[in-house]
Amino acid sequence: MKQILYRLFEHQFLGRAEAREILQNMVAGKYTEAQIASLITVFLMRSISVEELSGFRDALLEMRVVTDLSEYDPIDIVGTGGDGKNTFNVSTAACFVVAGAGYKVAKHGNYGATSVSGASNVMEHHGVKFTTEIDKLKRSIGESNMAYLHAPIFNPALKAVAGVRKSLGVRSFFNMLGPLVNPAMPRNQLLGVYNLPLLRLYSYSFQQHGNRFAVVHSLDGYDEISLTDSFKVITATHEHIYTPEEIGLDRTRESDLFGGNSIEEASAIFDSVLNGSASSAQSGCVLANAAFAIRVLCPEKEISTCLSEARESLVSGKAKEKFVKFVALNS
C-alpha cells in the first residue's frame, strides 16, 4: 500500500484491475486504518477516474449477496445524496408511481446520510422488514412490482471500512459506489446526481457497463429533477437541458420540497403524495422523476406520454395500491 499511496500522491491513476485488487485487500484486512484513511483522502483531493470507480465497483459486486431478478428486467431509481437540500423521499415515491404504471422496480437504498430520511428510513417507518431472501424478493416484485434491497445487508464487505468512514466523517468514493452496486445489477437505471462532474462520470460508467440509463441533475444543485430550475438529462444516446415548462409542469420553490425535521414529517409527505393529497409541487416533482424513469424503459415514447402514464398511476390510486401491497408483503 505504501507504494500505491506514493503513486497517488504524485497524481497518478489506478487501472481498473488494480483498483479492484486494492478494495479486495482492504476488505480482507491487509491495510491499516491509517492507510485506508489516506486512500480515501486522495479521492477527496482529486476526482476519481472511470477506471478507478469501475474497479472498486467490480470488487464490491463480486463480494455482494447475489440477487438475480433479471427475469423481471427492473429499473432502479436512486439519487446519490449529498445535495444538502433535505428533500422528502422523491425517488422512493417515484418508484411506486412507476410500479403503479405497470413496470418492475428493484430499488437499492440505505439510511439517510445527508438528509433526515433516506429510502430505508421511510421503509422502516412503515414497518418494512429488510431481507436478502430471493423468494421473498421475487414474490414482492412479482405481486407489487417493487423489490427493495437494503444496501448494508447485501454488501457486507462495506463493514470492513465502516469504522474508518465513520471516523473521517466526510463523503468518500464509497458513497459514490452506492448507485453502481445494486446487487440485482438491473440493466435500467435513473440516477440523480448533485453536480455536473458526477453527471459526466456516471454517464461514462453506465456506458461502459452497457446499461440503459438516464443520469439527471437540476442545475441549482438537486440530485433529482426538482423542477426548481432547469435540469440536465444524459442518456446513452443524447443529452438535453429541460425546463419544467418544457415538459408541461410548473416550476417549484425549494421550500415546496423540504422534507421536514424528522422521519415522521418526511414520511407524512411521502404518504400524502401517494394518497393524492400532496401539493402540486410535491406531486409534480415525483411525477417528473417517474416519467424519466419510464422513458429509460421505453425510450421510444415521448416524455409527454411517459408523464401521462405516471400521472394516471398516481391519480388512479394504482401507485398507492402497489405501495400497500408492497408493505403487506414485506412486513
Protein backbone atom coordinates (compact mmCIF):
# COMPACT_ATOMS: atom_id res chain seq x y z
CA MET A 1 0.00 0.00 0.00
CA LYS A 2 2.90 2.37 0.69
CA GLN A 3 3.97 2.33 -2.97
CA ILE A 4 0.36 2.78 -4.12
CA LEU A 5 -0.03 5.82 -1.89
CA TYR A 6 3.21 7.36 -3.18
CA ARG A 7 1.94 6.96 -6.74
CA LEU A 8 -1.41 8.51 -5.88
CA PHE A 9 0.26 11.39 -4.07
CA GLU A 10 2.11 12.05 -7.33
CA HIS A 11 -1.25 12.36 -9.13
CA GLN A 12 -1.04 9.03 -10.90
CA PHE A 13 -4.18 6.98 -11.53
CA LEU A 14 -5.06 3.35 -10.83
CA GLY A 15 -6.08 0.88 -13.50
CA ARG A 16 -9.40 -0.94 -13.22
CA ALA A 17 -7.88 -4.29 -12.19
CA GLU A 18 -5.57 -2.56 -9.71
CA ALA A 19 -8.44 -0.67 -8.08
CA ARG A 20 -10.40 -3.94 -7.80
CA GLU A 21 -7.49 -5.67 -6.06
CA ILE A 22 -6.95 -2.77 -3.66
CA LEU A 23 -10.56 -2.84 -2.47
CA GLN A 24 -10.44 -6.61 -2.09
CA ASN A 25 -7.28 -6.30 0.05
CA MET A 26 -8.92 -3.53 2.05
CA VAL A 27 -11.88 -5.74 2.90
CA ALA A 28 -9.51 -8.66 3.69
CA GLY A 29 -7.85 -6.54 6.38
CA LYS A 30 -4.48 -6.23 4.63
CA TYR A 31 -4.24 -2.46 5.17
CA THR A 32 -4.19 -0.40 8.36
CA GLU A 33 -6.91 2.09 9.15
CA ALA A 34 -4.42 4.92 8.62
CA GLN A 35 -3.62 3.61 5.13
CA ILE A 36 -7.31 3.31 4.26
CA ALA A 37 -7.92 6.84 5.55
CA SER A 38 -5.05 8.11 3.38
CA LEU A 39 -6.51 6.38 0.32
CA ILE A 40 -9.92 7.91 0.94
CA THR A 41 -8.30 11.33 1.36
CA VAL A 42 -6.61 11.08 -2.04
CA PHE A 43 -10.02 10.86 -3.71
CA LEU A 44 -11.24 13.86 -1.78
CA MET A 45 -8.40 15.91 -3.23
CA ARG A 46 -8.83 14.84 -6.85
CA SER A 47 -11.59 13.39 -8.98
CA ILE A 48 -11.89 9.64 -9.25
CA SER A 49 -11.50 8.22 -12.76
CA VAL A 50 -13.99 5.97 -14.54
CA GLU A 51 -11.44 3.14 -14.45
CA GLU A 52 -10.89 3.52 -10.71
CA LEU A 53 -14.61 3.72 -9.96
CA SER A 54 -15.27 0.67 -12.16
CA GLY A 55 -12.54 -1.33 -10.42
CA PHE A 56 -13.92 -0.56 -6.97
CA ARG A 57 -17.39 -1.44 -8.27
CA ASP A 58 -16.14 -4.77 -9.64
CA ALA A 59 -14.75 -5.72 -6.24
CA LEU A 60 -17.92 -4.88 -4.33
CA LEU A 61 -20.17 -6.69 -6.81
CA GLU A 62 -18.01 -9.80 -6.57
CA MET A 63 -18.48 -9.77 -2.78
CA ARG A 64 -22.20 -8.97 -2.81
CA VAL A 65 -25.10 -11.22 -1.90
CA VAL A 66 -26.06 -12.31 -5.42
CA THR A 67 -29.68 -11.46 -6.20
CA ASP A 68 -30.95 -12.45 -9.63
CA LEU A 69 -34.09 -10.53 -10.61
CA SER A 70 -33.18 -10.37 -14.30
CA GLU A 71 -36.37 -12.17 -15.35
CA TYR A 72 -38.27 -9.00 -14.37
CA ASP A 73 -35.87 -6.61 -16.17
CA PRO A 74 -36.41 -4.00 -13.43
CA ILE A 75 -35.27 -0.39 -13.10
CA ASP A 76 -33.53 1.23 -10.14
CA ILE A 77 -34.43 4.83 -9.29
CA VAL A 78 -31.96 6.48 -6.92
CA GLY A 79 -30.13 9.68 -6.03
CA THR A 80 -26.55 9.94 -4.85
CA GLY A 81 -27.50 12.15 -1.90
CA GLY A 82 -25.11 14.85 -0.85
CA ASP A 83 -27.00 17.82 -2.27
CA GLY A 84 -27.71 19.25 1.21
CA LYS A 85 -31.31 20.05 0.26
CA ASN A 86 -33.06 17.68 2.72
CA THR A 87 -35.93 16.92 0.36
CA PHE A 88 -38.65 14.39 1.10
CA ASN A 89 -38.29 10.87 -0.37
CA VAL A 90 -38.80 11.81 -4.02
CA SER A 91 -37.04 8.81 -5.60
CA THR A 92 -38.81 6.31 -3.36
CA ALA A 93 -42.22 7.81 -4.14
CA ALA A 94 -41.34 7.77 -7.84
CA CYS A 95 -40.59 4.05 -7.56
CA PHE A 96 -44.17 3.31 -6.55
CA VAL A 97 -45.56 5.59 -9.26
CA VAL A 98 -43.53 3.62 -11.81
CA ALA A 99 -44.69 0.35 -10.20
CA GLY A 100 -48.29 1.56 -10.38
CA ALA A 101 -47.80 2.24 -14.09
CA GLY A 102 -47.05 -1.44 -14.59
CA TYR A 103 -43.25 -1.54 -14.59
CA LYS A 104 -40.90 -3.54 -12.34
CA VAL A 105 -38.61 -1.74 -9.89
CA ALA A 106 -35.66 -3.10 -7.86
CA LYS A 107 -34.58 -0.23 -5.65
CA HIS A 108 -31.23 -0.27 -3.87
CA GLY A 109 -31.20 2.09 -0.89
CA ASN A 110 -29.88 2.93 2.55
CA TYR A 111 -30.48 5.12 5.56
CA GLY A 112 -30.17 8.86 5.03
CA ALA A 113 -26.66 10.26 5.31
CA THR A 114 -27.22 13.86 4.24
CA SER A 115 -30.97 14.13 4.83
CA VAL A 116 -33.41 13.28 7.61
CA SER A 117 -34.99 10.41 5.71
CA GLY A 118 -33.29 8.03 3.32
CA ALA A 119 -35.20 5.31 1.48
CA SER A 120 -34.52 2.75 4.23
CA ASN A 121 -35.76 5.18 6.89
CA VAL A 122 -39.14 5.67 5.23
CA MET A 123 -39.46 1.95 4.51
CA GLU A 124 -38.72 1.01 8.12
CA HIS A 125 -41.10 3.69 9.37
CA HIS A 126 -43.89 1.90 7.52
CA GLY A 127 -42.98 -1.45 9.07
CA VAL A 128 -40.95 -2.92 6.22
CA LYS A 129 -38.51 -5.67 7.21
CA PHE A 130 -35.39 -5.92 5.07
CA THR A 131 -34.41 -9.29 3.62
CA THR A 132 -31.93 -10.97 1.30
CA GLU A 133 -34.19 -14.00 0.73
CA ILE A 134 -34.62 -14.31 -3.02
CA ASP A 135 -38.03 -15.99 -2.83
CA LYS A 136 -39.43 -13.10 -0.79
CA LEU A 137 -37.88 -10.54 -3.13
CA LYS A 138 -39.30 -12.31 -6.19
CA ARG A 139 -42.74 -12.51 -4.64
CA SER A 140 -42.55 -8.81 -3.78
CA ILE A 141 -41.58 -7.69 -7.26
CA GLY A 142 -43.97 -10.17 -8.85
CA GLU A 143 -47.03 -9.04 -6.89
CA SER A 144 -46.32 -5.38 -6.07
CA ASN A 145 -43.91 -4.59 -8.96
CA MET A 146 -41.36 -3.46 -6.34
CA ALA A 147 -38.45 -5.11 -4.52
CA TYR A 148 -36.34 -3.21 -2.00
CA LEU A 149 -32.68 -4.07 -1.44
CA HIS A 150 -31.29 -2.54 1.76
CA ALA A 151 -27.63 -1.89 0.93
CA PRO A 152 -25.88 -2.92 4.20
CA ILE A 153 -27.21 -6.47 4.19
CA PHE A 154 -26.36 -7.04 0.52
CA ASN A 155 -22.87 -5.55 0.67
CA PRO A 156 -21.33 -6.94 3.89
CA ALA A 157 -17.85 -6.09 2.62
CA LEU A 158 -18.52 -2.46 3.49
CA LYS A 159 -18.49 -3.36 7.19
CA ALA A 160 -14.72 -3.70 6.95
CA VAL A 161 -14.31 0.02 6.28
CA ALA A 162 -17.30 1.32 8.25
CA GLY A 163 -15.17 2.38 11.23
CA VAL A 164 -12.74 4.42 9.14
CA ARG A 165 -15.54 6.08 7.18
CA LYS A 166 -17.36 6.99 10.39
CA SER A 167 -14.19 8.36 12.00
CA LEU A 168 -13.41 10.54 8.98
CA GLY A 169 -17.00 11.80 8.82
CA VAL A 170 -16.72 13.00 5.22
CA ARG A 171 -18.12 11.82 1.90
CA SER A 172 -15.85 9.36 0.13
CA PHE A 173 -15.71 7.27 -3.02
CA PHE A 174 -17.70 4.64 -1.12
CA ASN A 175 -20.70 6.98 -1.22
CA MET A 176 -20.27 7.20 -4.99
CA LEU A 177 -20.34 3.42 -5.31
CA GLY A 178 -23.86 3.04 -3.90
CA PRO A 179 -25.74 3.68 -7.17
CA LEU A 180 -23.39 1.31 -9.03
CA VAL A 181 -23.58 -1.76 -6.79
CA ASN A 182 -27.26 -2.68 -6.76
CA PRO A 183 -26.91 -6.43 -6.04
CA ALA A 184 -29.60 -7.25 -8.62
CA MET A 185 -27.48 -5.47 -11.24
CA PRO A 186 -30.51 -4.08 -13.12
CA ARG A 187 -29.73 -3.01 -16.66
CA ASN A 188 -32.05 0.01 -16.31
CA GLN A 189 -31.39 2.96 -14.04
CA LEU A 190 -32.48 6.52 -13.37
CA LEU A 191 -29.80 8.21 -11.27
CA GLY A 192 -29.89 11.71 -9.83
CA VAL A 193 -26.57 13.43 -9.02
CA TYR A 194 -25.77 16.66 -7.20
CA ASN A 195 -23.25 18.23 -9.59
CA LEU A 196 -22.24 18.28 -13.24
CA PRO A 197 -18.87 16.46 -12.90
CA LEU A 198 -20.70 13.50 -11.35
CA LEU A 199 -23.27 13.65 -14.14
CA ARG A 200 -20.49 13.07 -16.64
CA LEU A 201 -18.66 10.47 -14.54
CA TYR A 202 -21.69 8.26 -14.00
CA SER A 203 -22.83 8.53 -17.62
CA TYR A 204 -19.40 7.30 -18.76
CA SER A 205 -19.54 4.49 -16.21
CA PHE A 206 -23.02 3.35 -17.30
CA GLN A 207 -21.99 3.42 -20.95
CA GLN A 208 -19.00 1.24 -20.12
CA HIS A 209 -21.25 -1.33 -18.43
CA GLY A 210 -23.90 -1.33 -21.17
CA ASN A 211 -26.78 -0.06 -19.04
CA ARG A 212 -29.94 1.64 -20.26
CA PHE A 213 -29.89 4.78 -18.18
CA ALA A 214 -30.67 8.42 -17.58
CA VAL A 215 -28.48 10.50 -15.28
CA VAL A 216 -30.24 13.67 -14.15
CA HIS A 217 -29.19 16.83 -12.34
CA SER A 218 -31.06 20.00 -11.51
CA LEU A 219 -28.80 22.92 -12.32
CA ASP A 220 -29.41 24.55 -8.93
CA GLY A 221 -27.84 21.57 -7.18
CA TYR A 222 -30.53 18.93 -6.56
CA ASP A 223 -29.71 15.25 -7.06
CA GLU A 224 -33.11 14.70 -8.71
CA ILE A 225 -35.45 16.50 -11.06
CA SER A 226 -36.67 19.10 -8.59
CA LEU A 227 -38.48 21.45 -11.04
CA THR A 228 -36.93 24.35 -9.09
CA ASP A 229 -34.70 25.11 -12.08
CA SER A 230 -33.71 23.74 -15.46
CA PHE A 231 -32.33 20.20 -15.33
CA LYS A 232 -29.90 18.22 -17.44
CA VAL A 233 -30.52 14.64 -18.59
CA ILE A 234 -27.87 12.39 -20.14
CA THR A 235 -28.72 9.00 -21.68
CA ALA A 236 -26.69 6.60 -23.81
CA THR A 237 -27.86 8.40 -26.97
CA HIS A 238 -28.36 12.06 -26.11
CA GLU A 239 -28.13 14.85 -23.57
CA HIS A 240 -30.52 17.73 -23.13
CA ILE A 241 -31.29 20.58 -20.74
CA TYR A 242 -35.01 20.80 -20.00
CA THR A 243 -37.05 23.47 -18.27
CA PRO A 244 -40.03 22.44 -16.12
CA GLU A 245 -42.33 24.30 -18.51
CA GLU A 246 -40.93 22.37 -21.48
CA ILE A 247 -42.29 19.09 -20.08
CA GLY A 248 -45.61 20.65 -19.05
CA LEU A 249 -45.03 21.06 -15.31
CA ASP A 250 -44.97 24.15 -13.12
CA ARG A 251 -41.76 25.47 -11.63
CA THR A 252 -41.45 24.87 -7.87
CA ARG A 253 -39.71 26.56 -4.96
CA GLU A 254 -37.08 24.99 -2.72
CA SER A 255 -39.39 25.29 0.27
CA ASP A 256 -42.00 23.18 -1.54
CA LEU A 257 -39.74 20.13 -1.44
CA PHE A 258 -38.39 20.37 2.11
CA GLY A 259 -38.61 17.01 3.85
CA GLY A 260 -39.10 18.29 7.38
CA ASN A 261 -37.04 17.86 10.51
CA SER A 262 -37.94 14.27 11.41
CA ILE A 263 -38.66 10.93 9.84
CA GLU A 264 -42.30 11.39 10.87
CA GLU A 265 -42.57 14.62 8.89
CA ALA A 266 -40.82 13.16 5.84
CA SER A 267 -43.00 10.05 5.91
CA ALA A 268 -46.15 12.16 6.16
CA ILE A 269 -45.17 13.99 2.95
CA PHE A 270 -44.37 10.66 1.26
CA ASP A 271 -47.79 9.33 2.27
CA SER A 272 -49.56 12.46 1.09
CA VAL A 273 -48.03 12.08 -2.38
CA LEU A 274 -49.28 8.51 -2.75
CA ASN A 275 -52.64 9.43 -1.19
CA GLY A 276 -53.12 12.24 -3.69
CA SER A 277 -53.27 14.94 -1.03
CA ALA A 278 -49.80 16.45 -1.54
CA SER A 279 -49.20 19.89 -3.00
CA SER A 280 -48.95 20.17 -6.78
CA ALA A 281 -45.25 20.98 -6.37
CA GLN A 282 -44.57 17.81 -4.36
CA SER A 283 -46.56 15.63 -6.73
CA GLY A 284 -45.08 17.30 -9.81
CA CYS A 285 -41.52 16.59 -8.67
CA VAL A 286 -42.32 12.89 -8.14
CA LEU A 287 -44.14 12.67 -11.49
CA ALA A 288 -41.20 14.20 -13.35
CA ASN A 289 -38.75 11.66 -11.96
CA ALA A 290 -41.16 8.78 -12.58
CA ALA A 291 -41.70 9.95 -16.17
CA PHE A 292 -38.00 9.96 -17.00
CA ALA A 293 -37.65 6.53 -15.37
CA ILE A 294 -40.42 5.20 -17.62
CA ARG A 295 -38.63 6.70 -20.59
CA VAL A 296 -35.47 4.75 -19.70
CA LEU A 297 -37.58 1.59 -20.00
CA CYS A 298 -39.42 2.83 -23.10
CA PRO A 299 -37.04 5.18 -24.95
CA GLU A 300 -39.33 5.22 -27.99
CA LYS A 301 -42.01 7.08 -26.02
CA GLU A 302 -42.24 10.87 -25.85
CA ILE A 303 -41.72 12.33 -22.39
CA SER A 304 -45.29 13.68 -22.53
CA THR A 305 -46.57 10.10 -22.89
CA CYS A 306 -44.40 8.90 -20.02
CA LEU A 307 -45.66 11.77 -17.87
CA SER A 308 -49.25 10.86 -18.67
CA GLU A 309 -48.59 7.26 -17.60
CA ALA A 310 -47.04 8.44 -14.35
CA ARG A 311 -49.92 10.83 -13.64
CA GLU A 312 -52.52 8.13 -14.32
CA SER A 313 -50.72 5.79 -11.90
CA LEU A 314 -50.83 8.39 -9.15
CA VAL A 315 -54.29 9.86 -9.75
CA SER A 316 -55.98 6.47 -10.21
CA GLY A 317 -54.59 5.20 -6.91
CA LYS A 318 -52.57 2.41 -8.56
CA ALA A 319 -49.31 3.74 -7.08
CA LYS A 320 -50.86 3.66 -3.59
CA GLU A 321 -52.21 0.13 -4.21
CA LYS A 322 -48.74 -1.11 -5.12
CA PHE A 323 -47.27 0.52 -2.01
CA VAL A 324 -49.90 -1.03 0.28
CA LYS A 325 -49.28 -4.43 -1.32
CA PHE A 326 -45.52 -3.98 -1.01
CA VAL A 327 -45.74 -3.17 2.71
CA ALA A 328 -48.05 -6.16 3.31
CA LEU A 329 -45.59 -8.50 1.57
CA ASN A 330 -42.53 -7.11 3.37
CA SER A 331 -43.72 -6.55 6.94
